[in-house]
Protein backbone atom coordinates (compact mmCIF):
# COMPACT_ATOMS: atom_id res chain seq x y z
CA MET A 1 -23.69 43.07 3.50
CA PRO A 2 -20.78 40.74 1.95
CA ASN A 3 -19.64 37.67 3.92
CA ALA A 4 -16.02 38.29 4.21
CA GLU A 5 -15.36 34.30 4.80
CA VAL A 6 -17.17 33.39 1.92
CA ASP A 7 -16.37 36.40 -0.67
CA THR A 8 -12.49 36.38 0.29
CA PRO A 9 -10.09 33.95 -0.92
CA LEU A 10 -6.97 32.03 0.70
CA ASP A 11 -3.86 33.75 -0.65
CA ASP A 12 -1.25 31.95 -2.34
CA THR A 13 1.12 30.86 0.77
CA ALA A 14 -2.03 29.70 3.16
CA HIS A 15 -3.79 27.34 -0.18
CA GLN A 16 0.16 25.83 -0.96
CA GLU A 17 0.20 25.44 2.98
CA ARG A 18 -2.88 23.60 3.22
CA GLN A 19 -2.42 21.59 0.03
CA ALA A 20 0.92 20.39 1.55
CA ALA A 21 -1.17 19.25 4.44
CA LEU A 22 -3.87 17.71 2.41
CA ARG A 23 -1.24 15.42 0.54
CA ALA A 24 0.84 14.56 3.63
CA LEU A 25 -2.81 13.25 5.51
CA GLY A 26 -4.22 11.64 2.22
CA THR A 27 -0.86 9.52 1.72
CA ALA A 28 -0.74 8.32 5.52
CA PHE A 29 -4.16 7.37 5.25
CA ARG A 30 -3.72 5.57 1.75
CA ASP A 31 -0.83 4.14 2.82
CA SER A 32 -2.14 3.04 6.65
CA GLY A 33 -5.33 0.88 4.55
CA VAL A 34 -7.79 3.52 6.15
CA HIS A 35 -10.42 4.86 3.97
CA ALA A 36 -10.27 8.48 4.60
CA MET A 37 -11.36 11.38 1.99
CA PRO A 38 -9.52 14.38 3.02
CA LYS A 39 -10.51 18.33 1.23
CA VAL A 40 -8.92 21.53 1.59
CA GLY A 41 -11.01 24.44 3.18
CA MET A 42 -10.69 27.36 0.85
CA VAL A 43 -11.39 30.24 2.65
CA PRO A 44 -9.93 32.30 5.68
CA GLY A 45 -11.28 31.23 8.95
CA SER A 46 -12.66 28.22 7.67
CA ALA A 47 -11.30 24.41 8.88
CA ALA A 48 -7.77 24.13 7.14
CA VAL A 49 -8.50 20.61 5.86
CA ILE A 50 -11.56 18.37 6.34
CA VAL A 51 -11.27 14.79 6.81
CA THR A 52 -14.63 12.29 6.01
CA ILE A 53 -13.55 8.85 7.69
CA PRO A 54 -16.36 6.17 7.09
CA LEU A 55 -17.00 4.31 9.86
CA ASP A 56 -18.48 0.73 8.23
CA GLU A 57 -14.45 -0.19 7.45
CA PRO A 58 -12.39 -2.55 9.78
CA ASP A 59 -8.81 -0.49 9.32
CA ALA A 60 -11.06 2.51 10.22
CA GLN A 61 -12.15 0.82 13.49
CA ARG A 62 -9.24 -0.38 14.32
CA PHE A 63 -6.94 2.92 14.01
CA LEU A 64 -9.91 4.69 15.93
CA ILE A 65 -10.70 2.56 18.67
CA GLY A 66 -7.53 0.44 19.03
CA ARG A 67 -7.65 -1.65 21.87
CA GLY A 68 -10.17 0.59 24.14
CA LEU A 69 -13.81 -0.38 24.75
CA PRO A 70 -16.41 0.82 21.94
CA SER A 71 -17.81 4.23 22.95
CA PRO A 72 -21.62 5.06 22.47
CA ASP A 73 -20.27 8.35 21.01
CA ALA A 74 -18.25 6.83 17.69
CA ALA A 75 -16.42 10.24 17.70
CA ALA A 76 -15.39 9.89 21.15
CA PRO A 77 -12.09 7.85 20.46
CA LEU A 78 -10.86 9.85 17.79
CA ARG A 79 -11.75 13.12 19.54
CA HIS A 80 -9.72 11.71 22.60
CA LEU A 81 -7.00 11.01 20.57
CA LEU A 82 -6.46 13.87 18.54
CA GLU A 83 -6.84 15.75 22.50
CA GLN A 84 -3.73 13.63 23.56
CA HIS A 85 -1.74 14.34 20.78
CA GLY A 86 -2.21 17.96 20.96
CA ILE A 87 -4.01 17.83 17.50
CA ASN A 88 -6.64 20.95 17.77
CA ALA A 89 -9.79 19.55 15.34
CA ARG A 90 -13.44 19.37 15.57
CA VAL A 91 -14.81 15.44 15.39
CA GLU A 92 -18.98 14.77 14.85
CA VAL A 93 -20.71 11.99 13.41
CA VAL A 94 -22.28 12.35 9.74
CA GLU A 95 -24.37 10.50 7.70
CA PHE A 96 -22.27 9.49 4.93
CA GLY A 97 -24.53 7.02 2.24
CA PRO A 98 -26.29 4.30 3.73
CA GLY A 99 -24.26 4.79 7.10
CA THR A 100 -22.13 7.11 8.83
CA ALA A 101 -18.79 8.86 9.01
CA LEU A 102 -16.53 10.75 11.41
CA LYS A 103 -16.10 14.83 9.95
CA VAL A 104 -12.91 15.95 11.15
CA GLU A 105 -12.22 19.57 10.67
CA LEU A 106 -8.18 20.37 11.13
CA ALA A 107 -7.94 23.98 12.46
CA ALA A 108 -4.71 24.61 11.00
CA GLY A 109 -1.83 23.05 8.34
CA ASP A 110 0.04 22.12 11.11
CA ASP A 111 -2.68 19.86 12.63
CA ALA A 112 -3.35 17.92 9.72
CA VAL A 113 0.32 17.31 9.49
CA ARG A 114 0.39 16.50 13.12
CA LEU A 115 -2.51 13.65 12.20
CA ALA A 116 -0.69 12.38 9.48
CA ALA A 117 2.25 11.61 11.57
CA LEU A 118 -0.35 10.03 14.22
CA VAL A 119 -1.82 7.98 11.22
CA ILE A 120 1.66 6.58 10.23
CA ASP A 121 2.54 6.02 14.08
CA ARG A 122 -0.51 3.76 14.05
CA ARG A 123 0.15 1.75 11.11
CA SER A 124 -0.10 -1.93 11.19
CA ASP A 125 2.94 -3.78 10.99
CA ALA A 126 1.23 -5.59 7.86
CA HIS A 127 0.81 -1.83 6.22
CA SER A 128 4.36 -0.95 7.10
CA ALA A 129 5.80 -3.67 5.69
CA ALA A 130 3.60 -4.07 2.61
CA LEU A 131 4.90 -0.22 1.72
CA ARG A 132 8.46 -1.45 1.89
CA LEU A 133 8.01 -4.34 -0.35
CA LYS A 134 6.18 -2.08 -2.86
CA ALA A 135 9.05 0.50 -3.07
CA ALA A 136 11.58 -2.49 -3.17
CA PHE A 137 8.93 -3.96 -6.55
CA THR A 138 9.01 -0.36 -7.83
CA GLY A 139 12.96 -0.49 -7.79
CA ILE A 140 13.27 -3.59 -10.26
CA GLY A 141 10.11 -2.71 -12.54
CA ILE A 142 7.61 -4.61 -10.77
CA SER A 143 4.18 -2.92 -10.12
CA LYS A 144 3.26 -2.29 -6.56
CA GLU A 145 -0.76 -2.21 -7.46
CA HIS A 146 0.38 -6.19 -6.86
CA ILE A 147 0.30 -5.98 -2.87
CA PHE A 148 -2.76 -5.82 -0.80
CA VAL A 149 -3.13 -6.01 2.94
CA ALA A 150 -5.67 -8.51 4.70
CA ASP A 151 -6.27 -9.99 8.23
CA GLY A 152 -2.87 -8.74 8.72
CA ALA A 153 -1.03 -10.48 5.99
CA VAL A 154 0.51 -9.22 2.63
CA LEU A 155 -0.87 -10.76 -0.03
CA VAL A 156 1.41 -10.44 -3.48
CA GLY A 157 -1.01 -10.77 -5.99
CA ASP A 158 -0.53 -11.79 -9.70
CA ILE A 159 2.73 -10.64 -11.36
CA ASP A 160 3.71 -11.11 -14.90
CA ILE A 161 6.16 -13.02 -16.41
CA GLN A 162 8.25 -10.14 -17.09
CA GLU A 163 8.21 -9.50 -13.67
CA ALA A 164 8.66 -12.83 -12.52
CA LEU A 165 11.57 -13.43 -14.60
CA ALA A 166 13.11 -9.88 -12.64
CA LEU A 167 12.47 -11.27 -9.29
CA TYR A 168 13.75 -14.22 -10.17
CA ALA A 169 16.87 -12.61 -11.44
CA VAL A 170 17.73 -10.08 -8.94
CA LEU A 171 17.41 -12.50 -6.46
CA GLY A 172 20.00 -14.94 -7.91
CA GLY A 173 18.34 -17.35 -10.11
CA HIS A 174 20.19 -19.07 -12.84
CA SER A 175 19.52 -17.97 -15.93
CA GLY A 176 20.55 -21.17 -17.45
CA GLU A 177 17.61 -22.52 -16.00
CA VAL A 178 15.08 -19.95 -17.25
CA ASP A 179 16.97 -19.60 -20.81
CA GLU A 180 15.43 -22.72 -22.02
CA LEU A 181 11.73 -21.69 -20.96
CA ASP A 182 9.77 -20.32 -24.17
CA LEU A 183 8.01 -17.50 -22.48
CA ASP A 184 8.16 -14.86 -25.12
CA ASP A 185 5.47 -16.48 -27.11
CA ARG A 186 2.15 -16.49 -25.25
CA TRP A 187 -0.22 -17.53 -28.20
CA ASP A 188 1.45 -20.50 -27.99
CA PRO A 189 -0.69 -23.23 -26.72
CA GLN A 190 1.89 -24.95 -24.82
CA SER A 191 3.04 -22.17 -23.17
CA TRP A 192 1.36 -22.92 -19.86
CA ARG A 193 4.01 -25.81 -19.24
CA ASP A 194 6.61 -23.30 -19.24
CA VAL A 195 4.84 -21.04 -17.01
CA GLU A 196 4.52 -23.97 -14.41
CA THR A 197 8.35 -24.28 -14.41
CA LEU A 198 9.20 -20.76 -13.45
CA ALA A 199 6.68 -21.04 -11.08
CA GLU A 200 8.62 -23.92 -9.75
CA LEU A 201 11.95 -22.37 -9.83
CA LEU A 202 10.86 -18.97 -8.59
CA GLY A 203 9.10 -20.87 -5.40
CA PRO A 204 12.18 -21.73 -3.66
CA VAL A 205 14.16 -18.35 -4.54
CA VAL A 206 11.51 -16.22 -3.16
CA SER A 207 10.94 -18.29 -0.11
CA LYS A 208 14.85 -18.71 0.72
CA ALA A 209 14.72 -14.68 0.52
CA SER A 210 11.69 -14.05 3.11
CA GLY A 211 12.95 -16.73 5.25
CA ASP A 212 9.77 -18.77 5.15
CA LEU A 213 7.87 -20.86 2.50
CA LEU A 214 6.18 -18.60 0.46
CA ALA A 215 3.65 -19.67 -2.40
CA SER A 216 4.79 -19.36 -6.11
CA THR A 217 1.40 -20.46 -8.32
CA PRO A 218 1.29 -20.42 -11.98
CA ASN A 219 -1.63 -18.65 -13.28
CA PRO A 220 -1.15 -18.97 -17.21
CA ALA A 221 -3.94 -17.63 -19.25
CA CYS A 222 -6.42 -19.78 -21.11
CA GLN A 223 -6.78 -19.70 -24.88
CA GLY A 224 -10.06 -17.88 -24.59
CA CYS A 225 -8.80 -15.27 -22.24
CA ILE A 226 -4.95 -14.92 -23.74
CA SER A 227 -5.91 -11.54 -25.69
CA SER A 228 -6.83 -9.87 -22.34
CA ARG A 229 -4.59 -10.75 -20.06
CA SER A 230 -0.73 -11.82 -20.11
CA HIS A 231 0.33 -15.29 -18.29
CA ARG A 232 1.08 -14.76 -14.33
CA ILE A 233 2.43 -16.14 -11.15
CA THR A 234 0.93 -15.38 -7.87
CA LEU A 235 3.32 -15.37 -4.95
CA GLY A 236 0.28 -15.60 -2.26
CA SER A 237 0.40 -14.51 1.53
CA ALA A 238 3.27 -13.39 3.57
CA SER A 239 3.57 -12.53 7.07
CA PRO A 240 4.89 -9.17 7.69
CA GLU A 241 8.25 -10.61 8.71
CA GLN A 242 8.37 -12.35 5.26
CA ALA A 243 7.55 -9.21 3.35
CA LEU A 244 10.57 -7.25 5.02
CA LEU A 245 12.81 -9.80 4.57
CA LEU A 246 12.07 -10.13 0.90
CA ALA A 247 12.11 -6.14 0.71
CA ASP A 248 15.29 -6.30 2.31
CA ALA A 249 17.19 -9.16 -0.04
CA ILE A 250 15.76 -7.28 -3.18
CA ALA A 251 17.20 -3.73 -1.69
CA ALA A 252 20.46 -5.61 -0.96
CA ALA A 253 20.84 -7.15 -4.13
CA GLY A 254 20.45 -3.95 -5.95
CA ALA A 255 23.16 -2.18 -3.47
CA PRO A 256 26.34 -1.23 -4.49
CA GLY A 257 29.09 -3.95 -4.82
CA ALA A 258 25.97 -6.40 -4.45
CA THR A 259 25.93 -9.74 -7.09
CA SER A 260 22.41 -10.41 -8.57
CA GLY A 261 20.81 -11.07 -11.19
CA ALA A 262 20.40 -14.56 -13.27
CA GLY A 263 24.14 -16.24 -13.38
CA SER A 264 24.56 -15.80 -9.43
CA PRO A 265 25.12 -18.49 -7.28
CA ALA A 266 21.80 -20.64 -7.19
CA VAL A 267 20.11 -20.21 -3.87
């Protein structure tokens, strides 16, 4: 006799609801720095969303255990957490490559959405600040891929010269100081000097916007690697508070009626 649970597919409405829950959960975990692999249950009667969370990563451990005491049952902290928040799920430890992972089977799409909200609520200050700064950077054409979180700090990696100029202008840097720099021809063997000058100009601007010293380190391309990458500037490590202030300054500069960009009063 055919197995109805296997042979009967989900109807479109149920499938779309599960897909929406999957997207919400995937985004929540990704923005919180917790590596998780959600997938949709594809047949009626199955779990709506199944999430695999490897247990060998620090962010996962902090999310699962928090300030509580470790448990001999690795599934117990998350199982208890979900029960506390009314999330109907089965949690078990499974083998995952050379290590182990938690397999979380969420009964319904609503349970997956509630778990997404819980993940967001437990997001670290650094990840929340990084998310705000990513949005601010994206708004002025700077790739959010430059921003990372490590050891409770927000790391702003290499931004290219055009991105650095955009940030300098938005935060009120003097256009006259950068107009004299030769930044267009990266093949010029002397252009690294102008990259260093731009980094020196950008440092005080971003430091004032972030409320404390923020590094602005030149990372010019060498003659051997200039064909594969452009000149860059690294802003370095910021506290969550600095990252939020910098994001707010960028957003305020782009607000209606705000005076921003090169040529504004010096900072």
